[in-house]
Amino acid sequence: MRTSTHILAALVLLSASGIALAHNCPNEMKAIDAKLATKPALSPEDSAKVTKLRADGEAQHKAGNHDASMKSLGDAKKILGI
C-alpha cells in the first residue's frame, strides 16, 4: 500500500512538472523582450534571426507546440547571451 502511494505521488509530481515547463514559454518570451529592450549589440543578421525565432516561438506556443516553442526561444536566448 505504501509503495503505491509513493508511485502515485511521483506520477503526480512528474505530471505537474511537465505542465509547468509547457507553460514557461511566456517567461522565455519576456526574458527575450527584456534583453531586446536594452538594445544589445547584435549584427543585423543576428538581430533578424532573434526576431524571427522569437516570433516563431510565440506562434508555436499559441499552437500548443511547446517543445518547438522552447527550442526556438532557447536558440534566440543563446544568440542574445542569456
PDB file of N, CA and C in Angstrom:
ATOM      1  N   MET A   1       0.830  -1.190   0.000  1.00  0.00           N
ATOM      2  CA  MET A   1       0.000   0.000   0.000  1.00  0.00           C
ATOM      3  C   MET A   1       0.880   1.261   0.000  1.00  0.00           C
ATOM      4  N   ARG A   2       1.923   1.228   0.812  1.00  0.00           N
ATOM      5  CA  ARG A   2       2.785   2.390   0.921  1.00  0.00           C
ATOM      6  C   ARG A   2       3.539   2.649  -0.381  1.00  0.00           C
ATOM      7  N   THR A   3       3.959   1.595  -1.055  1.00  0.00           N
ATOM      8  CA  THR A   3       4.679   1.725  -2.319  1.00  0.00           C
ATOM      9  C   THR A   3       3.780   2.361  -3.373  1.00  0.00           C
ATOM     10  N   SER A   4       2.540   1.951  -3.430  1.00  0.00           N
ATOM     11  CA  SER A   4       1.631   2.524  -4.431  1.00  0.00           C
ATOM     12  C   SER A   4       1.378   4.004  -4.148  1.00  0.00           C
ATOM     13  N   THR A   5       1.390   4.400  -2.916  1.00  0.00           N
ATOM     14  CA  THR A   5       1.236   5.814  -2.576  1.00  0.00           C
ATOM     15  C   THR A   5       2.432   6.609  -3.068  1.00  0.00           C
ATOM     16  N   HIS A   6       3.630   6.061  -2.904  1.00  0.00           N
ATOM     17  CA  HIS A   6       4.842   6.730  -3.384  1.00  0.00           C
ATOM     18  C   HIS A   6       4.847   6.843  -4.901  1.00  0.00           C
ATOM     19  N   ILE A   7       4.421   5.771  -5.555  1.00  0.00           N
ATOM     20  CA  ILE A   7       4.374   5.788  -7.021  1.00  0.00           C
ATOM     21  C   ILE A   7       3.359   6.822  -7.497  1.00  0.00           C
ATOM     22  N   LEU A   8       2.221   6.856  -6.877  1.00  0.00           N
ATOM     23  CA  LEU A   8       1.192   7.832  -7.242  1.00  0.00           C
ATOM     24  C   LEU A   8       1.700   9.259  -7.018  1.00  0.00           C
ATOM     25  N   ALA A   9       2.359   9.499  -5.920  1.00  0.00           N
ATOM     26  CA  ALA A   9       2.904  10.831  -5.640  1.00  0.00           C
ATOM     27  C   ALA A   9       3.948  11.217  -6.683  1.00  0.00           C
ATOM     28  N   ALA A  10       4.799  10.269  -7.055  1.00  0.00           N
ATOM     29  CA  ALA A  10       5.824  10.542  -8.071  1.00  0.00           C
ATOM     30  C   ALA A  10       5.182  10.875  -9.412  1.00  0.00           C
ATOM     31  N   LEU A  11       4.143  10.161  -9.788  1.00  0.00           N
ATOM     32  CA  LEU A  11       3.449  10.430 -11.048  1.00  0.00           C
ATOM     33  C   LEU A  11       2.778  11.802 -11.042  1.00  0.00           C
ATOM     34  N   VAL A  12       2.192  12.171  -9.939  1.00  0.00           N
ATOM     35  CA  VAL A  12       1.560  13.492  -9.830  1.00  0.00           C
ATOM     36  C   VAL A  12       2.601  14.591  -9.976  1.00  0.00           C
ATOM     37  N   LEU A  13       3.736  14.443  -9.300  1.00  0.00           N
ATOM     38  CA  LEU A  13       4.796  15.446  -9.395  1.00  0.00           C
ATOM     39  C   LEU A  13       5.381  15.514 -10.798  1.00  0.00           C
ATOM     40  N   LEU A  14       5.552  14.383 -11.433  1.00  0.00           N
ATOM     41  CA  LEU A  14       6.071  14.347 -12.790  1.00  0.00           C
ATOM     42  C   LEU A  14       5.117  15.042 -13.749  1.00  0.00           C
ATOM     43  N   SER A  15       3.842  14.799 -13.607  1.00  0.00           N
ATOM     44  CA  SER A  15       2.846  15.455 -14.458  1.00  0.00           C
ATOM     45  C   SER A  15       2.839  16.957 -14.226  1.00  0.00           C
ATOM     46  N   ALA A  16       2.919  17.356 -12.981  1.00  0.00           N
ATOM     47  CA  ALA A  16       2.907  18.786 -12.656  1.00  0.00           C
ATOM     48  C   ALA A  16       4.128  19.488 -13.230  1.00  0.00           C
ATOM     49  N   SER A  17       5.274  18.827 -13.208  1.00  0.00           N
ATOM     50  CA  SER A  17       6.482  19.462 -13.748  1.00  0.00           C
ATOM     51  C   SER A  17       6.376  19.609 -15.257  1.00  0.00           C
ATOM     52  N   GLY A  18       5.770  18.664 -15.933  1.00  0.00           N
ATOM     53  CA  GLY A  18       5.570  18.766 -17.379  1.00  0.00           C
ATOM     54  C   GLY A  18       4.657  19.913 -17.738  1.00  0.00           C
ATOM     55  N   ILE A  19       3.610  20.100 -16.975  1.00  0.00           N
ATOM     56  CA  ILE A  19       2.685  21.207 -17.201  1.00  0.00           C
ATOM     57  C   ILE A  19       3.386  22.536 -16.949  1.00  0.00           C
ATOM     58  N   ALA A  20       4.176  22.595 -15.910  1.00  0.00           N
ATOM     59  CA  ALA A  20       4.882  23.837 -15.590  1.00  0.00           C
ATOM     60  C   ALA A  20       5.847  24.215 -16.707  1.00  0.00           C
ATOM     61  N   LEU A  21       6.563  23.247 -17.243  1.00  0.00           N
ATOM     62  CA  LEU A  21       7.502  23.533 -18.321  1.00  0.00           C
ATOM     63  C   LEU A  21       6.786  23.927 -19.604  1.00  0.00           C
ATOM     64  N   ALA A  22       5.649  23.339 -19.851  1.00  0.00           N
ATOM     65  CA  ALA A  22       4.910  23.645 -21.072  1.00  0.00           C
ATOM     66  C   ALA A  22       4.417  25.078 -21.073  1.00  0.00           C
ATOM     67  N   HIS A  23       4.208  25.627 -19.927  1.00  0.00           N
ATOM     68  CA  HIS A  23       3.702  26.987 -19.848  1.00  0.00           C
ATOM     69  C   HIS A  23       4.785  27.992 -19.475  1.00  0.00           C
ATOM     70  N   ASN A  24       6.045  27.611 -19.641  1.00  0.00           N
ATOM     71  CA  ASN A  24       7.142  28.519 -19.364  1.00  0.00           C
ATOM     72  C   ASN A  24       7.478  29.376 -20.582  1.00  0.00           C
ATOM     73  N   CYS A  25       6.866  29.079 -21.707  1.00  0.00           N
ATOM     74  CA  CYS A  25       7.136  29.827 -22.935  1.00  0.00           C
ATOM     75  C   CYS A  25       6.959  31.338 -22.735  1.00  0.00           C
ATOM     76  N   PRO A  26       5.869  31.783 -22.102  1.00  0.00           N
ATOM     77  CA  PRO A  26       5.707  33.231 -21.915  1.00  0.00           C
ATOM     78  C   PRO A  26       6.845  33.859 -21.105  1.00  0.00           C
ATOM     79  N   ASN A  27       7.372  33.135 -20.128  1.00  0.00           N
ATOM     80  CA  ASN A  27       8.501  33.672 -19.350  1.00  0.00           C
ATOM     81  C   ASN A  27       9.745  33.790 -20.218  1.00  0.00           C
ATOM     82  N   GLU A  28       9.942  32.832 -21.107  1.00  0.00           N
ATOM     83  CA  GLU A  28      11.086  32.893 -22.019  1.00  0.00           C
ATOM     84  C   GLU A  28      10.932  34.087 -22.968  1.00  0.00           C
ATOM     85  N   MET A  29       9.722  34.304 -23.462  1.00  0.00           N
ATOM     86  CA  MET A  29       9.476  35.442 -24.354  1.00  0.00           C
ATOM     87  C   MET A  29       9.722  36.762 -23.624  1.00  0.00           C
ATOM     88  N   LYS A  30       9.308  36.828 -22.372  1.00  0.00           N
ATOM     89  CA  LYS A  30       9.533  38.048 -21.581  1.00  0.00           C
ATOM     90  C   LYS A  30      11.025  38.310 -21.395  1.00  0.00           C
ATOM     91  N   ALA A  31      11.798  37.249 -21.156  1.00  0.00           N
ATOM     92  CA  ALA A  31      13.243  37.408 -20.982  1.00  0.00           C
ATOM     93  C   ALA A  31      13.887  37.923 -22.267  1.00  0.00           C
ATOM     94  N   ILE A  32      13.444  37.390 -23.399  1.00  0.00           N
ATOM     95  CA  ILE A  32      13.971  37.843 -24.686  1.00  0.00           C
ATOM     96  C   ILE A  32      13.590  39.299 -24.923  1.00  0.00           C
ATOM     97  N   ASP A  33      12.333  39.629 -24.664  1.00  0.00           N
ATOM     98  CA  ASP A  33      11.875  41.012 -24.856  1.00  0.00           C
ATOM     99  C   ASP A  33      12.647  41.986 -23.965  1.00  0.00           C
ATOM    100  N   ALA A  34      12.897  41.568 -22.725  1.00  0.00           N
ATOM    101  CA  ALA A  34      13.636  42.433 -21.801  1.00  0.00           C
ATOM    102  C   ALA A  34      15.057  42.678 -22.303  1.00  0.00           C
ATOM    103  N   LYS A  35      15.683  41.636 -22.804  1.00  0.00           N
ATOM    104  CA  LYS A  35      17.051  41.784 -23.321  1.00  0.00           C
ATOM    105  C   LYS A  35      17.049  42.661 -24.574  1.00  0.00           C
ATOM    106  N   LEU A  36      16.072  42.469 -25.455  1.00  0.00           N
ATOM    107  CA  LEU A  36      15.985  43.285 -26.669  1.00  0.00           C
ATOM    108  C   LEU A  36      15.741  44.761 -26.330  1.00  0.00           C
ATOM    109  N   ALA A  37      15.043  45.016 -25.238  1.00  0.00           N
ATOM    110  CA  ALA A  37      14.764  46.394 -24.824  1.00  0.00           C
ATOM    111  C   ALA A  37      16.039  47.126 -24.423  1.00  0.00           C
ATOM    112  N   THR A  38      17.091  46.390 -24.071  1.00  0.00           N
ATOM    113  CA  THR A  38      18.365  47.020 -23.691  1.00  0.00           C
ATOM    114  C   THR A  38      19.211  47.357 -24.910  1.00  0.00           C
ATOM    115  N   LYS A  39      18.690  47.075 -26.101  1.00  0.00           N
ATOM    116  CA  LYS A  39      19.393  47.348 -27.366  1.00  0.00           C
ATOM    117  C   LYS A  39      20.770  46.680 -27.390  1.00  0.00           C
ATOM    118  N   PRO A  40      20.802  45.340 -27.308  1.00  0.00           N
ATOM    119  CA  PRO A  40      22.096  44.649 -27.302  1.00  0.00           C
ATOM    120  C   PRO A  40      22.823  44.844 -28.638  1.00  0.00           C
ATOM    121  N   ALA A  41      24.133  44.802 -28.590  1.00  0.00           N
ATOM    122  CA  ALA A  41      24.954  44.957 -29.792  1.00  0.00           C
ATOM    123  C   ALA A  41      24.930  43.650 -30.579  1.00  0.00           C
ATOM    124  N   LEU A  42      24.067  43.598 -31.575  1.00  0.00           N
ATOM    125  CA  LEU A  42      23.939  42.420 -32.426  1.00  0.00           C
ATOM    126  C   LEU A  42      24.176  42.821 -33.871  1.00  0.00           C
ATOM    127  N   SER A  43      24.706  41.885 -34.639  1.00  0.00           N
ATOM    128  CA  SER A  43      24.820  42.137 -36.071  1.00  0.00           C
ATOM    129  C   SER A  43      23.408  42.167 -36.649  1.00  0.00           C
ATOM    130  N   PRO A  44      23.229  42.800 -37.796  1.00  0.00           N
ATOM    131  CA  PRO A  44      21.889  42.809 -38.415  1.00  0.00           C
ATOM    132  C   PRO A  44      21.349  41.397 -38.657  1.00  0.00           C
ATOM    133  N   GLU A  45      22.241  40.468 -38.999  1.00  0.00           N
ATOM    134  CA  GLU A  45      21.817  39.083 -39.232  1.00  0.00           C
ATOM    135  C   GLU A  45      21.314  38.443 -37.938  1.00  0.00           C
ATOM    136  N   ASP A  46      22.079  38.628 -36.856  1.00  0.00           N
ATOM    137  CA  ASP A  46      21.669  38.058 -35.566  1.00  0.00           C
ATOM    138  C   ASP A  46      20.391  38.707 -35.062  1.00  0.00           C
ATOM    139  N   SER A  47      20.269  40.000 -35.257  1.00  0.00           N
ATOM    140  CA  SER A  47      19.060  40.700 -34.828  1.00  0.00           C
ATOM    141  C   SER A  47      17.832  40.152 -35.562  1.00  0.00           C
ATOM    142  N   ALA A  48      17.963  39.950 -36.859  1.00  0.00           N
ATOM    143  CA  ALA A  48      16.857  39.398 -37.649  1.00  0.00           C
ATOM    144  C   ALA A  48      16.550  37.969 -37.224  1.00  0.00           C
ATOM    145  N   LYS A  49      17.598  37.194 -36.927  1.00  0.00           N
ATOM    146  CA  LYS A  49      17.403  35.806 -36.512  1.00  0.00           C
ATOM    147  C   LYS A  49      16.683  35.738 -35.168  1.00  0.00           C
ATOM    148  N   VAL A  50      17.089  36.591 -34.226  1.00  0.00           N
ATOM    149  CA  VAL A  50      16.444  36.616 -32.905  1.00  0.00           C
ATOM    150  C   VAL A  50      14.977  37.008 -33.050  1.00  0.00           C
ATOM    151  N   THR A  51      14.705  38.017 -33.859  1.00  0.00           N
ATOM    152  CA  THR A  51      13.328  38.463 -34.064  1.00  0.00           C
ATOM    153  C   THR A  51      12.481  37.336 -34.651  1.00  0.00           C
ATOM    154  N   LYS A  52      13.029  36.623 -35.630  1.00  0.00           N
ATOM    155  CA  LYS A  52      12.293  35.514 -36.246  1.00  0.00           C
ATOM    156  C   LYS A  52      12.086  34.376 -35.255  1.00  0.00           C
ATOM    157  N   LEU A  53      13.126  34.007 -34.521  1.00  0.00           N
ATOM    158  CA  LEU A  53      12.997  32.929 -33.544  1.00  0.00           C
ATOM    159  C   LEU A  53      11.986  33.278 -32.463  1.00  0.00           C
ATOM    160  N   ARG A  54      11.983  34.530 -32.032  1.00  0.00           N
ATOM    161  CA  ARG A  54      11.022  34.984 -31.007  1.00  0.00           C
ATOM    162  C   ARG A  54       9.596  34.870 -31.540  1.00  0.00           C
ATOM    163  N   ALA A  55       9.380  35.313 -32.783  1.00  0.00           N
ATOM    164  CA  ALA A  55       8.047  35.241 -33.395  1.00  0.00           C
ATOM    165  C   ALA A  55       7.634  33.781 -33.611  1.00  0.00           C
ATOM    166  N   ASP A  56       8.576  32.950 -34.073  1.00  0.00           N
ATOM    167  CA  ASP A  56       8.277  31.530 -34.261  1.00  0.00           C
ATOM    168  C   ASP A  56       7.903  30.880 -32.933  1.00  0.00           C
ATOM    169  N   GLY A  57       8.660  31.207 -31.880  1.00  0.00           N
ATOM    170  CA  GLY A  57       8.377  30.639 -30.564  1.00  0.00           C
ATOM    171  C   GLY A  57       7.000  31.005 -30.058  1.00  0.00           C
ATOM    172  N   GLU A  58       6.605  32.244 -30.279  1.00  0.00           N
ATOM    173  CA  GLU A  58       5.267  32.663 -29.840  1.00  0.00           C
ATOM    174  C   GLU A  58       4.182  31.941 -30.638  1.00  0.00           C
ATOM    175  N   ALA A  59       4.370  31.830 -31.954  1.00  0.00           N
ATOM    176  CA  ALA A  59       3.394  31.139 -32.798  1.00  0.00           C
ATOM    177  C   ALA A  59       3.287  29.665 -32.405  1.00  0.00           C
ATOM    178  N   GLN A  60       4.420  29.035 -32.149  1.00  0.00           N
ATOM    179  CA  GLN A  60       4.417  27.632 -31.744  1.00  0.00           C
ATOM    180  C   GLN A  60       3.736  27.456 -30.398  1.00  0.00           C
ATOM    181  N   HIS A  61       3.973  28.390 -29.484  1.00  0.00           N
ATOM    182  CA  HIS A  61       3.319  28.333 -28.173  1.00  0.00           C
ATOM    183  C   HIS A  61       1.806  28.423 -28.330  1.00  0.00           C
ATOM    184  N   LYS A  62       1.353  29.373 -29.136  1.00  0.00           N
ATOM    185  CA  LYS A  62      -0.089  29.554 -29.340  1.00  0.00           C
ATOM    186  C   LYS A  62      -0.722  28.344 -30.004  1.00  0.00           C
ATOM    187  N   ALA A  63       0.063  27.624 -30.828  1.00  0.00           N
ATOM    188  CA  ALA A  63      -0.430  26.432 -31.497  1.00  0.00           C
ATOM    189  C   ALA A  63      -0.373  25.199 -30.588  1.00  0.00           C
ATOM    190  N   GLY A  64       0.188  25.364 -29.387  1.00  0.00           N
ATOM    191  CA  GLY A  64       0.269  24.258 -28.440  1.00  0.00           C
ATOM    192  C   GLY A  64       1.500  23.382 -28.607  1.00  0.00           C
ATOM    193  N   ASN A  65       2.427  23.798 -29.455  1.00  0.00           N
ATOM    194  CA  ASN A  65       3.646  23.032 -29.684  1.00  0.00           C
ATOM    195  C   ASN A  65       4.755  23.596 -28.792  1.00  0.00           C
ATOM    196  N   HIS A  66       4.676  23.274 -27.519  1.00  0.00           N
ATOM    197  CA  HIS A  66       5.553  23.882 -26.525  1.00  0.00           C
ATOM    198  C   HIS A  66       7.009  23.430 -26.650  1.00  0.00           C
ATOM    199  N   ASP A  67       7.232  22.194 -27.084  1.00  0.00           N
ATOM    200  CA  ASP A  67       8.621  21.736 -27.249  1.00  0.00           C
ATOM    201  C   ASP A  67       9.329  22.544 -28.330  1.00  0.00           C
ATOM    202  N   ALA A  68       8.667  22.728 -29.469  1.00  0.00           N
ATOM    203  CA  ALA A  68       9.257  23.517 -30.552  1.00  0.00           C
ATOM    204  C   ALA A  68       9.414  24.973 -30.124  1.00  0.00           C
ATOM    205  N   SER A  69       8.437  25.469 -29.381  1.00  0.00           N
ATOM    206  CA  SER A  69       8.495  26.848 -28.897  1.00  0.00           C
ATOM    207  C   SER A  69       9.697  27.048 -27.990  1.00  0.00           C
ATOM    208  N   MET A  70       9.896  26.146 -27.058  1.00  0.00           N
ATOM    209  CA  MET A  70      11.023  26.271 -26.135  1.00  0.00           C
ATOM    210  C   MET A  70      12.351  26.163 -26.883  1.00  0.00           C
ATOM    211  N   LYS A  71      12.411  25.361 -27.945  1.00  0.00           N
ATOM    212  CA  LYS A  71      13.640  25.261 -28.731  1.00  0.00           C
ATOM    213  C   LYS A  71      13.907  26.577 -29.456  1.00  0.00           C
ATOM    214  N   SER A  72      12.900  27.127 -30.110  1.00  0.00           N
ATOM    215  CA  SER A  72      13.070  28.396 -30.827  1.00  0.00           C
ATOM    216  C   SER A  72      13.482  29.504 -29.870  1.00  0.00           C
ATOM    217  N   LEU A  73      12.786  29.588 -28.744  1.00  0.00           N
ATOM    218  CA  LEU A  73      13.086  30.632 -27.776  1.00  0.00           C
ATOM    219  C   LEU A  73      14.471  30.420 -27.148  1.00  0.00           C
ATOM    220  N   GLY A  74      14.847  29.170 -26.931  1.00  0.00           N
ATOM    221  CA  GLY A  74      16.172  28.870 -26.397  1.00  0.00           C
ATOM    222  C   GLY A  74      17.272  29.273 -27.373  1.00  0.00           C
ATOM    223  N   ASP A  75      17.031  29.038 -28.659  1.00  0.00           N
ATOM    224  CA  ASP A  75      18.013  29.443 -29.674  1.00  0.00           C
ATOM    225  C   ASP A  75      18.166  30.964 -29.697  1.00  0.00           C
ATOM    226  N   ALA A  76      17.041  31.675 -29.562  1.00  0.00           N
ATOM    227  CA  ALA A  76      17.094  33.143 -29.521  1.00  0.00           C
ATOM    228  C   ALA A  76      17.868  33.616 -28.299  1.00  0.00           C
ATOM    229  N   LYS A  77      17.649  32.964 -27.154  1.00  0.00           N
ATOM    230  CA  LYS A  77      18.347  33.338 -25.935  1.00  0.00           C
ATOM    231  C   LYS A  77      19.846  33.092 -26.051  1.00  0.00           C
ATOM    232  N   LYS A  78      20.236  32.022 -26.736  1.00  0.00           N
ATOM    233  CA  LYS A  78      21.668  31.751 -26.929  1.00  0.00           C
ATOM    234  C   LYS A  78      22.325  32.872 -27.723  1.00  0.00           C
ATOM    235  N   ILE A  79      21.663  33.315 -28.768  1.00  0.00           N
ATOM    236  CA  ILE A  79      22.207  34.406 -29.576  1.00  0.00           C
ATOM    237  C   ILE A  79      22.339  35.673 -28.734  1.00  0.00           C
ATOM    238  N   LEU A  80      21.357  35.897 -27.867  1.00  0.00           N
ATOM    239  CA  LEU A  80      21.363  37.086 -27.011  1.00  0.00           C
ATOM    240  C   LEU A  80      22.319  36.948 -25.820  1.00  0.00           C
ATOM    241  N   GLY A  81      22.788  35.747 -25.571  1.00  0.00           N
ATOM    242  CA  GLY A  81      23.697  35.533 -24.442  1.00  0.00           C
ATOM    243  C   GLY A  81      22.993  35.481 -23.106  1.00  0.00           C
ATOM    244  N   ILE A  82      21.751  35.008 -23.097  1.00  0.00           N
ATOM    245  CA  ILE A  82      21.020  34.863 -21.834  1.00  0.00           C
ATOM    246  C   ILE A  82      20.585  33.416 -21.649  1.00  0.00           C
TER     247      ILE A  82
END
